[in-house]
Amino acid sequence: MTSLVFGFFIFGVFLLITSIRVVQQYEKGLILRVGRYQKTVAPGLVFLVPFMYVLTKVDMRERVINVLPQKVITKDNVSVMVDAVIYFKVVDPMRAEYEVADFAYACTTLAQTNLRNLIGDRSLDETLTARDMINASLRDVLDKATDSWGVKVTRVEVQKIDPPEDITNAMSKQMKAEREKRATILEAEGEKTSKILRAEGDRQSEILKAEGAAQAVVLKADAEARAVEQVSTAAENYFKDNAQILKRLEVLNTTLATNTKVILPTNAPILNLLGLDGQNLDKVFSLPKDSKK
């Protein structure tokens, strides 16, 4: 009896253990009852009836698929090696689990096929320079194709596009020649610009020198004009009357030297200049007595 109770106890513990499931934070659980989908459960503890319900976990994190390198022929008949990576995320766990058997294989095959189509429509130069366009086109194609599978393709990146070795060497030589050509052009343009700037600087220097000389002449002329004006003003203010008096004295001296008699009015300015008046004229000039009349 005791062994039977113990056996039931052990069986009960086993049933309890097998009925408990844990769904992680990054997962969602699909519950099937006797092989038929019932519902999707969130992360946490899930209790199931043993032998009747089954729990399938689906990883909801973003994942990466590597597309293996493959040979692709471009529009201009150049064979290149191309590979890519695909980033995807499950958005509907039920469809992702039951609508496609092997999503990684299906997505890789689809990516390889579309890579051949996209690169086959372009020349080698266009392929090497249109990497972003190829990525966007391939992502759109994969996103539309995987939508019914409950998977979202977030981005696609073409990792490498490797031409044959001889094409690579030729491209390297071409790039080197282009760089040398650009360097020569830049050097010539720099020398030309330097000469132009030097000539412009010399011209500006000569113009500034000429303008400076002209301003110096103008300033000198203005200074001399002001000096003459000041001298003229001083002469006008201080020497005009004295010059007139000096002139009159010269005339008087000449007159007295050639004439023996001079008749002057008593109020003549010359008398005032000489400090004479009518009272002392007789003292200065020795005139006959009959001439006083």
Protein backbone atom coordinates (compact mmCIF):
# COMPACT_ATOMS: atom_id res chain seq x y z
CA MET A 1 0.00 0.00 0.00
CA THR A 2 2.73 2.35 0.95
CA SER A 3 4.60 1.66 -2.26
CA LEU A 4 1.43 2.31 -4.27
CA VAL A 5 0.89 5.68 -2.62
CA PHE A 6 4.49 6.56 -3.17
CA GLY A 7 4.15 5.54 -6.82
CA PHE A 8 1.10 7.80 -7.25
CA PHE A 9 2.98 10.61 -5.58
CA ILE A 10 5.92 10.22 -7.93
CA PHE A 11 3.53 10.08 -10.91
CA GLY A 12 1.78 13.24 -9.74
CA VAL A 13 5.08 15.09 -9.38
CA PHE A 14 6.05 13.95 -12.86
CA LEU A 15 2.75 15.19 -14.30
CA LEU A 16 3.17 18.51 -12.54
CA ILE A 17 6.69 18.94 -13.83
CA THR A 18 5.75 18.01 -17.38
CA SER A 19 2.78 20.39 -17.32
CA ILE A 20 4.90 23.46 -16.52
CA ARG A 21 6.56 25.33 -19.39
CA VAL A 22 8.56 28.59 -19.34
CA VAL A 23 8.42 30.99 -22.28
CA GLN A 24 11.36 33.42 -22.30
CA GLN A 25 11.05 37.17 -22.76
CA TYR A 26 12.27 37.07 -26.37
CA GLU A 27 9.94 34.17 -27.29
CA LYS A 28 6.30 33.47 -27.90
CA GLY A 29 4.62 30.09 -27.39
CA LEU A 30 2.33 28.24 -29.75
CA ILE A 31 -0.05 25.82 -28.00
CA LEU A 32 -1.26 22.81 -29.96
CA ARG A 33 -3.92 20.42 -28.76
CA VAL A 34 -3.61 17.00 -30.31
CA GLY A 35 -1.63 18.51 -33.19
CA ARG A 36 -3.99 21.45 -33.84
CA TYR A 37 -3.06 25.07 -33.22
CA GLN A 38 -5.00 26.61 -30.34
CA LYS A 39 -3.46 29.93 -29.37
CA THR A 40 -0.31 31.98 -28.91
CA VAL A 41 0.88 32.71 -25.37
CA ALA A 42 3.09 35.51 -24.06
CA PRO A 43 6.36 35.02 -22.13
CA GLY A 44 6.06 33.57 -18.64
CA LEU A 45 4.86 30.33 -17.00
CA VAL A 46 2.47 28.18 -19.00
CA PHE A 47 0.57 25.18 -17.55
CA LEU A 48 -0.40 22.44 -19.99
CA VAL A 49 -2.29 19.20 -19.72
CA PRO A 50 0.33 16.53 -20.32
CA PHE A 51 0.06 14.29 -23.38
CA MET A 52 -2.74 16.47 -24.82
CA TYR A 53 -1.17 19.90 -25.27
CA VAL A 54 2.18 20.70 -26.78
CA LEU A 55 4.04 24.01 -26.58
CA THR A 56 6.24 25.24 -29.47
CA LYS A 57 8.52 28.23 -28.82
CA VAL A 58 9.29 30.80 -31.54
CA ASP A 59 12.23 33.21 -31.26
CA MET A 60 11.00 36.78 -31.91
CA ARG A 61 14.43 38.45 -32.02
CA GLU A 62 15.97 39.88 -35.18
CA ARG A 63 18.22 37.35 -36.84
CA VAL A 64 20.73 37.23 -39.69
CA ILE A 65 21.05 34.88 -42.65
CA ASN A 66 24.25 34.71 -44.69
CA VAL A 67 23.76 34.37 -48.43
CA LEU A 68 26.68 32.29 -49.67
CA PRO A 69 28.91 33.76 -52.41
CA GLN A 70 27.85 33.00 -55.96
CA LYS A 71 29.07 33.86 -59.45
CA VAL A 72 26.94 36.39 -61.26
CA ILE A 73 27.42 37.66 -64.83
CA THR A 74 26.90 41.37 -65.35
CA LYS A 75 25.31 43.02 -68.38
CA ASP A 76 28.73 43.53 -69.99
CA ASN A 77 29.62 39.82 -69.53
CA VAL A 78 31.92 40.16 -66.52
CA SER A 79 31.75 37.39 -63.92
CA VAL A 80 31.71 38.66 -60.34
CA MET A 81 31.44 36.96 -56.95
CA VAL A 82 28.57 38.32 -54.85
CA ASP A 83 27.34 37.55 -51.36
CA ALA A 84 24.96 39.24 -48.94
CA VAL A 85 23.41 39.17 -45.48
CA ILE A 86 19.70 39.33 -44.70
CA TYR A 87 18.28 40.71 -41.44
CA PHE A 88 14.77 39.50 -40.61
CA LYS A 89 12.35 39.39 -37.70
CA VAL A 90 9.31 37.20 -37.01
CA VAL A 91 6.12 39.25 -36.70
CA ASP A 92 3.56 36.41 -36.76
CA PRO A 93 4.88 33.30 -34.97
CA MET A 94 2.03 31.07 -36.09
CA ARG A 95 2.55 31.70 -39.82
CA ALA A 96 6.34 31.69 -39.43
CA GLU A 97 6.12 28.22 -37.89
CA TYR A 98 3.48 26.63 -40.11
CA GLU A 99 3.52 28.50 -43.46
CA VAL A 100 7.14 27.71 -44.40
CA ALA A 101 9.15 24.64 -43.59
CA ASP A 102 12.66 26.13 -43.70
CA PHE A 103 12.61 29.91 -43.82
CA ALA A 104 16.40 30.33 -43.91
CA TYR A 105 16.79 28.08 -46.96
CA ALA A 106 13.80 29.62 -48.74
CA CYS A 107 14.98 33.17 -48.08
CA THR A 108 18.57 32.41 -49.13
CA THR A 109 17.47 30.81 -52.40
CA LEU A 110 15.16 33.72 -53.16
CA ALA A 111 17.94 36.23 -52.42
CA GLN A 112 20.42 34.46 -54.70
CA THR A 113 17.92 34.37 -57.56
CA ASN A 114 17.09 38.05 -57.27
CA LEU A 115 20.76 39.00 -56.96
CA ARG A 116 21.42 37.33 -60.31
CA ASN A 117 18.54 39.27 -61.86
CA LEU A 118 19.50 42.63 -60.38
CA ILE A 119 23.19 42.43 -61.24
CA GLY A 120 22.54 40.87 -64.66
CA ASP A 121 20.66 44.04 -65.66
CA ARG A 122 23.64 46.30 -64.89
CA SER A 123 27.17 46.73 -66.18
CA LEU A 124 30.16 46.20 -63.92
CA ASP A 125 30.66 49.92 -63.28
CA GLU A 126 26.96 50.37 -62.48
CA THR A 127 27.04 47.35 -60.17
CA LEU A 128 30.01 48.67 -58.23
CA THR A 129 28.46 52.13 -57.82
CA ALA A 130 24.82 51.06 -57.28
CA ARG A 131 25.26 48.96 -54.16
CA ASP A 132 22.63 50.92 -52.20
CA MET A 133 20.12 50.56 -55.04
CA ILE A 134 20.73 46.81 -55.19
CA ASN A 135 20.25 46.54 -51.42
CA ALA A 136 16.97 48.46 -51.53
CA SER A 137 15.60 46.51 -54.52
CA LEU A 138 16.51 43.14 -52.99
CA ARG A 139 14.96 44.09 -49.64
CA ASP A 140 11.70 45.10 -51.33
CA VAL A 141 11.51 41.79 -53.23
CA LEU A 142 12.23 39.68 -50.14
CA ASP A 143 9.86 41.69 -47.96
CA LYS A 144 6.97 41.12 -50.34
CA ALA A 145 7.77 37.43 -50.74
CA THR A 146 8.10 36.74 -47.00
CA ASP A 147 5.05 38.73 -45.91
CA SER A 148 2.82 35.64 -46.19
CA TRP A 149 5.29 33.74 -44.00
CA GLY A 150 4.85 36.11 -41.05
CA VAL A 151 8.42 37.39 -41.36
CA LYS A 152 9.60 40.98 -41.85
CA VAL A 153 12.86 41.53 -43.77
CA THR A 154 14.32 44.61 -42.08
CA ARG A 155 17.36 45.16 -44.29
CA VAL A 156 19.63 43.52 -46.84
CA GLU A 157 23.33 44.29 -47.30
CA VAL A 158 25.48 43.16 -50.22
CA GLN A 159 28.81 42.48 -48.54
CA LYS A 160 31.17 42.22 -51.49
CA ILE A 161 31.20 42.35 -55.27
CA ASP A 162 34.52 40.89 -56.44
CA PRO A 163 35.44 41.06 -60.15
CA PRO A 164 38.09 38.71 -61.60
CA GLU A 165 41.73 39.45 -60.81
CA ASP A 166 42.62 40.76 -64.27
CA ILE A 167 39.64 43.14 -64.21
CA THR A 168 40.66 44.27 -60.73
CA ASN A 169 44.23 44.99 -61.91
CA ALA A 170 42.93 46.92 -64.92
CA MET A 171 40.61 48.93 -62.69
CA SER A 172 43.49 49.67 -60.32
CA LYS A 173 45.61 50.96 -63.19
CA GLN A 174 42.72 53.06 -64.44
CA MET A 175 42.10 54.53 -61.01
CA LYS A 176 45.81 55.26 -60.62
CA ALA A 177 45.87 57.03 -63.99
CA GLU A 178 42.78 59.02 -63.06
CA ARG A 179 44.33 60.06 -59.75
CA GLU A 180 47.56 61.12 -61.46
CA LYS A 181 45.55 63.06 -64.03
CA ARG A 182 43.55 64.83 -61.33
CA ALA A 183 46.76 65.57 -59.41
CA THR A 184 48.35 67.09 -62.52
CA ILE A 185 45.27 69.16 -63.23
CA LEU A 186 45.07 70.36 -59.65
CA GLU A 187 48.76 71.25 -59.64
CA ALA A 188 48.38 73.20 -62.91
CA GLU A 189 45.29 74.97 -61.62
CA GLY A 190 47.09 75.81 -58.39
CA GLU A 191 50.07 77.25 -60.25
CA LYS A 192 47.74 79.23 -62.53
CA THR A 193 45.82 80.59 -59.57
CA SER A 194 49.08 81.47 -57.81
CA LYS A 195 50.32 83.43 -60.84
CA ILE A 196 47.00 85.22 -61.20
CA LEU A 197 46.97 86.16 -57.54
CA ARG A 198 50.60 87.29 -57.69
CA ALA A 199 49.89 89.45 -60.77
CA GLU A 200 46.77 90.83 -59.13
CA GLY A 201 48.77 91.62 -56.01
CA ASP A 202 51.46 93.41 -58.04
CA ARG A 203 48.80 95.40 -59.88
CA GLN A 204 47.09 96.37 -56.65
CA SER A 205 50.46 97.33 -55.19
CA GLU A 206 51.25 99.59 -58.17
CA ILE A 207 47.79 101.14 -57.97
CA LEU A 208 48.21 101.81 -54.27
CA LYS A 209 51.66 103.33 -54.88
CA ALA A 210 50.28 105.59 -57.62
CA GLU A 211 47.35 106.61 -55.47
CA GLY A 212 49.72 107.31 -52.59
CA ALA A 213 51.96 109.45 -54.80
CA ALA A 214 48.95 111.33 -56.16
CA GLN A 215 47.63 111.94 -52.67
CA ALA A 216 51.08 113.17 -51.62
CA VAL A 217 51.16 115.64 -54.52
CA VAL A 218 47.65 116.82 -53.71
CA LEU A 219 48.48 117.22 -50.04
CA LYS A 220 51.69 119.08 -50.87
CA ALA A 221 49.82 121.38 -53.26
CA ASP A 222 47.12 121.97 -50.66
CA ALA A 223 49.77 122.77 -48.06
CA GLU A 224 51.55 125.19 -50.37
CA ALA A 225 48.22 126.81 -51.30
CA ARG A 226 47.35 127.24 -47.63
CA ALA A 227 50.80 128.70 -46.98
CA VAL A 228 50.40 131.16 -49.82
CA GLU A 229 46.90 131.99 -48.60
CA GLN A 230 48.17 132.60 -45.08
CA VAL A 231 51.02 134.78 -46.36
CA SER A 232 48.59 136.70 -48.53
CA THR A 233 46.22 137.15 -45.61
CA ALA A 234 49.03 138.32 -43.36
CA ALA A 235 50.24 140.73 -45.99
CA GLU A 236 46.72 141.97 -46.51
CA ASN A 237 46.20 142.49 -42.79
CA TYR A 238 49.59 143.82 -41.68
CA PHE A 239 51.53 145.22 -44.65
CA LYS A 240 49.00 146.82 -47.00
CA ASP A 241 48.83 150.25 -45.30
CA ASN A 242 52.58 150.36 -44.66
CA ALA A 243 53.24 149.42 -48.27
CA GLN A 244 51.04 152.27 -49.44
CA ILE A 245 52.82 154.68 -47.18
CA LEU A 246 56.21 153.42 -48.39
CA LYS A 247 55.12 153.91 -51.98
CA ARG A 248 54.02 157.45 -51.24
CA LEU A 249 57.35 158.20 -49.62
CA GLU A 250 59.16 156.91 -52.67
CA VAL A 251 57.04 159.16 -54.90
CA LEU A 252 57.66 162.12 -52.60
CA ASN A 253 61.38 161.50 -52.56
CA THR A 254 61.47 161.42 -56.33
CA THR A 255 59.39 164.57 -56.56
CA LEU A 256 61.52 166.53 -54.10
CA ALA A 257 64.66 165.41 -55.86
CA THR A 258 63.55 166.90 -59.20
CA ASN A 259 61.59 169.97 -58.06
CA THR A 260 62.55 172.99 -56.04
CA LYS A 261 59.05 173.93 -55.08
CA VAL A 262 56.25 171.74 -53.87
CA ILE A 263 52.78 172.96 -53.19
CA LEU A 264 50.88 170.82 -50.72
CA PRO A 265 47.56 171.40 -49.08
CA THR A 266 47.70 171.77 -45.34
CA ASN A 267 45.56 168.70 -44.82
CA ALA A 268 47.52 166.38 -47.13
CA PRO A 269 48.11 162.85 -45.75
CA ILE A 270 51.78 163.16 -46.54
CA LEU A 271 52.09 165.90 -43.98
CA ASN A 272 50.53 163.73 -41.36
CA LEU A 273 52.85 160.90 -42.39
CA LEU A 274 55.87 163.18 -41.94
CA GLY A 275 54.58 164.54 -38.68
CA LEU A 276 54.14 168.04 -40.10
CA ASP A 277 51.30 170.45 -40.00
CA GLY A 278 50.65 173.97 -41.19
CA GLN A 279 52.37 175.62 -38.20
CA ASN A 280 55.83 174.12 -38.57
CA LEU A 281 56.07 173.88 -42.38
CA ASP A 282 58.32 176.96 -42.39
CA LYS A 283 60.75 175.25 -40.12
CA VAL A 284 61.16 172.29 -42.43
CA PHE A 285 61.14 173.84 -45.88
CA SER A 286 63.24 176.91 -46.63
CA LEU A 287 60.73 178.78 -48.80
CA PRO A 288 60.95 182.45 -49.98
CA LYS A 289 58.79 184.83 -48.03
CA ASP A 290 56.86 185.87 -51.02
CA SER A 291 55.94 182.25 -51.75
CA LYS A 292 53.78 181.90 -48.65
CA LYS A 293 51.10 183.61 -50.52
